[in-house]
Amino acid sequence: YIRSTGLYAFLFPASLKAPGQTAAEKIEQLKPEFIHRERRLEIYLELFIVFLTAGALLLWIMRFLFNLCVDDWIASGDLRVKDLWN
């Protein structure tokens, strides 16, 4: 079952199974693949940081606007009772 999944191809690339290759040739053949994986990881980490920062900024803006709009309602007990029963 594991041979039909992408995990097997990830762990054991076809270039490792080629007969007649030395270890140095196999390493040279795999270098671009590892560089590509490293770049992909960097891109995902950068996107994670961007979305985390955007989410935190959006949360801060939403809280600020909510407090700005609701501040007079919280300060006045009459408004709270009036809005509660109407």
N, C-alpha and C. Protein backbone atom coordinates (compact mmCIF):
# COMPACT_ATOMS: atom_id res chain seq x y z
N TYR A 1 0.83 -1.20 0.00
CA TYR A 1 0.00 0.00 0.00
C TYR A 1 0.86 1.25 0.00
N ILE A 2 1.94 1.25 0.79
CA ILE A 2 2.75 2.45 0.91
C ILE A 2 3.43 2.81 -0.42
N ARG A 3 3.67 1.83 -1.27
CA ARG A 3 4.32 2.13 -2.55
C ARG A 3 3.41 2.88 -3.50
N SER A 4 2.11 2.82 -3.28
CA SER A 4 1.18 3.53 -4.16
C SER A 4 0.94 4.97 -3.69
N THR A 5 1.48 5.33 -2.56
CA THR A 5 1.27 6.68 -2.04
C THR A 5 2.43 7.59 -2.41
N GLY A 6 2.20 8.87 -2.24
CA GLY A 6 3.25 9.84 -2.50
C GLY A 6 4.34 9.81 -1.46
N LEU A 7 4.04 9.25 -0.28
CA LEU A 7 5.04 9.18 0.78
C LEU A 7 6.22 8.31 0.37
N TYR A 8 5.93 7.21 -0.28
CA TYR A 8 7.00 6.32 -0.73
C TYR A 8 7.89 7.03 -1.75
N ALA A 9 7.26 7.75 -2.67
CA ALA A 9 8.03 8.49 -3.68
C ALA A 9 8.84 9.60 -3.03
N PHE A 10 8.31 10.18 -1.95
CA PHE A 10 9.02 11.24 -1.25
C PHE A 10 10.23 10.67 -0.51
N LEU A 11 10.04 9.54 0.16
CA LEU A 11 11.13 8.95 0.95
C LEU A 11 12.17 8.25 0.09
N PHE A 12 11.74 7.64 -0.99
CA PHE A 12 12.64 6.87 -1.84
C PHE A 12 12.48 7.31 -3.30
N PRO A 13 13.12 8.42 -3.69
CA PRO A 13 13.00 8.87 -5.08
C PRO A 13 13.55 7.83 -6.05
N ALA A 14 13.07 7.88 -7.28
CA ALA A 14 13.48 6.91 -8.29
C ALA A 14 14.97 6.99 -8.56
N SER A 15 15.55 8.16 -8.38
CA SER A 15 16.98 8.31 -8.66
C SER A 15 17.84 7.51 -7.68
N LEU A 16 17.32 7.18 -6.51
CA LEU A 16 18.09 6.39 -5.56
C LEU A 16 18.17 4.92 -5.98
N LYS A 17 17.25 4.48 -6.78
CA LYS A 17 17.19 3.08 -7.16
C LYS A 17 17.93 2.79 -8.47
N ALA A 18 18.42 3.81 -9.12
CA ALA A 18 19.08 3.60 -10.41
C ALA A 18 20.37 2.81 -10.20
N PRO A 19 20.55 1.74 -10.95
CA PRO A 19 21.76 0.93 -10.77
C PRO A 19 22.98 1.60 -11.38
N GLY A 20 24.12 1.32 -10.81
CA GLY A 20 25.37 1.80 -11.36
C GLY A 20 25.73 3.23 -11.01
N GLN A 21 25.02 3.83 -10.09
CA GLN A 21 25.35 5.19 -9.69
C GLN A 21 26.13 5.16 -8.38
N THR A 22 27.08 6.06 -8.28
CA THR A 22 27.81 6.19 -7.03
C THR A 22 27.01 7.10 -6.10
N ALA A 23 27.45 7.14 -4.86
CA ALA A 23 26.76 7.98 -3.88
C ALA A 23 26.85 9.45 -4.27
N ALA A 24 28.00 9.87 -4.78
CA ALA A 24 28.17 11.27 -5.18
C ALA A 24 27.23 11.64 -6.32
N GLU A 25 27.06 10.73 -7.28
CA GLU A 25 26.14 11.00 -8.38
C GLU A 25 24.70 11.10 -7.90
N LYS A 26 24.34 10.25 -6.97
CA LYS A 26 22.99 10.29 -6.42
C LYS A 26 22.75 11.60 -5.68
N ILE A 27 23.75 12.03 -4.92
CA ILE A 27 23.63 13.29 -4.17
C ILE A 27 23.47 14.46 -5.13
N GLU A 28 24.29 14.50 -6.17
CA GLU A 28 24.20 15.57 -7.16
C GLU A 28 22.84 15.57 -7.86
N GLN A 29 22.31 14.39 -8.07
CA GLN A 29 21.02 14.29 -8.74
C GLN A 29 19.88 14.76 -7.83
N LEU A 30 20.03 14.59 -6.53
CA LEU A 30 18.97 14.96 -5.60
C LEU A 30 19.05 16.40 -5.11
N LYS A 31 20.17 17.07 -5.31
CA LYS A 31 20.33 18.44 -4.81
C LYS A 31 19.23 19.39 -5.26
N PRO A 32 18.90 19.45 -6.56
CA PRO A 32 17.83 20.38 -6.98
C PRO A 32 16.49 20.10 -6.31
N GLU A 33 16.20 18.83 -6.08
CA GLU A 33 14.93 18.49 -5.43
C GLU A 33 14.88 19.02 -4.00
N PHE A 34 15.98 18.88 -3.27
CA PHE A 34 16.00 19.38 -1.90
C PHE A 34 15.99 20.90 -1.85
N ILE A 35 16.64 21.53 -2.81
CA ILE A 35 16.60 23.00 -2.88
C ILE A 35 15.17 23.46 -3.15
N HIS A 36 14.47 22.76 -4.04
CA HIS A 36 13.08 23.10 -4.35
C HIS A 36 12.20 22.93 -3.11
N ARG A 37 12.39 21.86 -2.36
CA ARG A 37 11.61 21.64 -1.14
C ARG A 37 11.89 22.72 -0.11
N GLU A 38 13.15 23.14 -0.01
CA GLU A 38 13.50 24.18 0.95
C GLU A 38 12.85 25.50 0.58
N ARG A 39 12.84 25.83 -0.71
CA ARG A 39 12.19 27.07 -1.16
C ARG A 39 10.69 27.03 -0.89
N ARG A 40 10.08 25.86 -1.13
CA ARG A 40 8.65 25.72 -0.88
C ARG A 40 8.36 25.93 0.60
N LEU A 41 9.20 25.40 1.48
CA LEU A 41 9.02 25.58 2.91
C LEU A 41 9.14 27.06 3.28
N GLU A 42 10.11 27.74 2.69
CA GLU A 42 10.28 29.17 2.97
C GLU A 42 9.05 29.96 2.55
N ILE A 43 8.49 29.61 1.40
CA ILE A 43 7.29 30.32 0.93
C ILE A 43 6.13 30.10 1.89
N TYR A 44 5.94 28.86 2.35
CA TYR A 44 4.85 28.58 3.28
C TYR A 44 5.06 29.29 4.62
N LEU A 45 6.30 29.36 5.09
CA LEU A 45 6.57 30.07 6.33
C LEU A 45 6.30 31.57 6.18
N GLU A 46 6.69 32.13 5.04
CA GLU A 46 6.42 33.54 4.81
C GLU A 46 4.92 33.81 4.74
N LEU A 47 4.18 32.94 4.06
CA LEU A 47 2.73 33.11 3.99
C LEU A 47 2.09 32.98 5.37
N PHE A 48 2.59 32.05 6.18
CA PHE A 48 2.07 31.90 7.54
C PHE A 48 2.27 33.18 8.34
N ILE A 49 3.46 33.76 8.24
CA ILE A 49 3.74 35.00 8.98
C ILE A 49 2.86 36.14 8.47
N VAL A 50 2.67 36.22 7.16
CA VAL A 50 1.83 37.28 6.58
C VAL A 50 0.39 37.14 7.06
N PHE A 51 -0.17 35.92 7.00
CA PHE A 51 -1.56 35.72 7.42
C PHE A 51 -1.72 35.90 8.93
N LEU A 52 -0.74 35.49 9.71
CA LEU A 52 -0.80 35.69 11.16
C LEU A 52 -0.79 37.17 11.50
N THR A 53 0.07 37.93 10.84
CA THR A 53 0.14 39.37 11.07
C THR A 53 -1.15 40.05 10.62
N ALA A 54 -1.67 39.66 9.46
CA ALA A 54 -2.91 40.25 8.96
C ALA A 54 -4.07 39.93 9.90
N GLY A 55 -4.13 38.72 10.41
CA GLY A 55 -5.20 38.34 11.34
C GLY A 55 -5.12 39.13 12.63
N ALA A 56 -3.91 39.28 13.17
CA ALA A 56 -3.74 40.05 14.41
C ALA A 56 -4.12 41.51 14.19
N LEU A 57 -3.71 42.07 13.06
CA LEU A 57 -4.05 43.46 12.76
C LEU A 57 -5.55 43.63 12.58
N LEU A 58 -6.18 42.71 11.89
CA LEU A 58 -7.63 42.77 11.69
C LEU A 58 -8.37 42.65 13.02
N LEU A 59 -7.92 41.76 13.89
CA LEU A 59 -8.53 41.62 15.21
C LEU A 59 -8.41 42.91 16.00
N TRP A 60 -7.25 43.54 15.96
CA TRP A 60 -7.04 44.78 16.69
C TRP A 60 -7.95 45.88 16.14
N ILE A 61 -8.05 45.99 14.81
CA ILE A 61 -8.91 47.02 14.20
C ILE A 61 -10.38 46.77 14.55
N MET A 62 -10.82 45.52 14.49
CA MET A 62 -12.22 45.21 14.81
C MET A 62 -12.54 45.54 16.26
N ARG A 63 -11.64 45.19 17.17
CA ARG A 63 -11.87 45.52 18.58
C ARG A 63 -11.90 47.03 18.80
N PHE A 64 -10.99 47.75 18.13
CA PHE A 64 -10.95 49.20 18.27
C PHE A 64 -12.26 49.82 17.78
N LEU A 65 -12.73 49.41 16.61
CA LEU A 65 -13.97 49.96 16.07
C LEU A 65 -15.17 49.59 16.94
N PHE A 66 -15.21 48.36 17.43
CA PHE A 66 -16.31 47.96 18.30
C PHE A 66 -16.33 48.80 19.57
N ASN A 67 -15.18 48.97 20.19
CA ASN A 67 -15.12 49.77 21.42
C ASN A 67 -15.46 51.23 21.14
N LEU A 68 -15.07 51.73 19.98
CA LEU A 68 -15.38 53.10 19.62
C LEU A 68 -16.88 53.30 19.44
N CYS A 69 -17.55 52.35 18.81
CA CYS A 69 -18.98 52.48 18.54
C CYS A 69 -19.83 52.17 19.76
N VAL A 70 -19.37 51.31 20.63
CA VAL A 70 -20.20 50.85 21.74
C VAL A 70 -19.86 51.58 23.03
N ASP A 71 -18.85 52.43 23.00
CA ASP A 71 -18.40 53.09 24.22
C ASP A 71 -19.49 53.93 24.86
N ASP A 72 -20.24 54.71 24.07
CA ASP A 72 -21.30 55.54 24.64
C ASP A 72 -22.44 54.68 25.16
N TRP A 73 -22.69 53.55 24.52
CA TRP A 73 -23.75 52.65 24.97
C TRP A 73 -23.38 52.02 26.31
N ILE A 74 -22.11 51.66 26.48
CA ILE A 74 -21.67 51.07 27.74
C ILE A 74 -21.66 52.13 28.85
N ALA A 75 -21.29 53.36 28.51
CA ALA A 75 -21.19 54.41 29.52
C ALA A 75 -22.55 54.82 30.05
N SER A 76 -23.60 54.73 29.25
CA SER A 76 -24.93 55.17 29.67
C SER A 76 -25.79 53.98 30.07
N GLY A 77 -26.16 53.94 31.32
CA GLY A 77 -27.03 52.86 31.79
C GLY A 77 -28.42 52.95 31.20
N ASP A 78 -28.91 54.17 30.95
CA ASP A 78 -30.25 54.35 30.37
C ASP A 78 -30.34 53.74 28.98
N LEU A 79 -29.31 53.95 28.17
CA LEU A 79 -29.33 53.38 26.82
C LEU A 79 -29.32 51.85 26.86
N ARG A 80 -28.57 51.30 27.81
CA ARG A 80 -28.52 49.83 27.89
C ARG A 80 -29.88 49.26 28.24
N VAL A 81 -30.56 49.86 29.20
CA VAL A 81 -31.87 49.36 29.61
C VAL A 81 -32.88 49.57 28.49
N LYS A 82 -32.83 50.74 27.84
CA LYS A 82 -33.77 51.05 26.76
C LYS A 82 -33.60 50.06 25.60
N ASP A 83 -32.35 49.81 25.20
CA ASP A 83 -32.10 48.88 24.09
C ASP A 83 -32.41 47.45 24.47
N LEU A 84 -32.27 47.13 25.72
CA LEU A 84 -32.53 45.76 26.17
C LEU A 84 -34.01 45.43 26.09
N TRP A 85 -34.88 46.39 26.42
CA TRP A 85 -36.31 46.11 26.47
C TRP A 85 -37.05 46.52 25.20
N ASN A 86 -36.40 47.14 24.25
CA ASN A 86 -37.09 47.53 23.00
C ASN A 86 -36.74 46.63 21.87
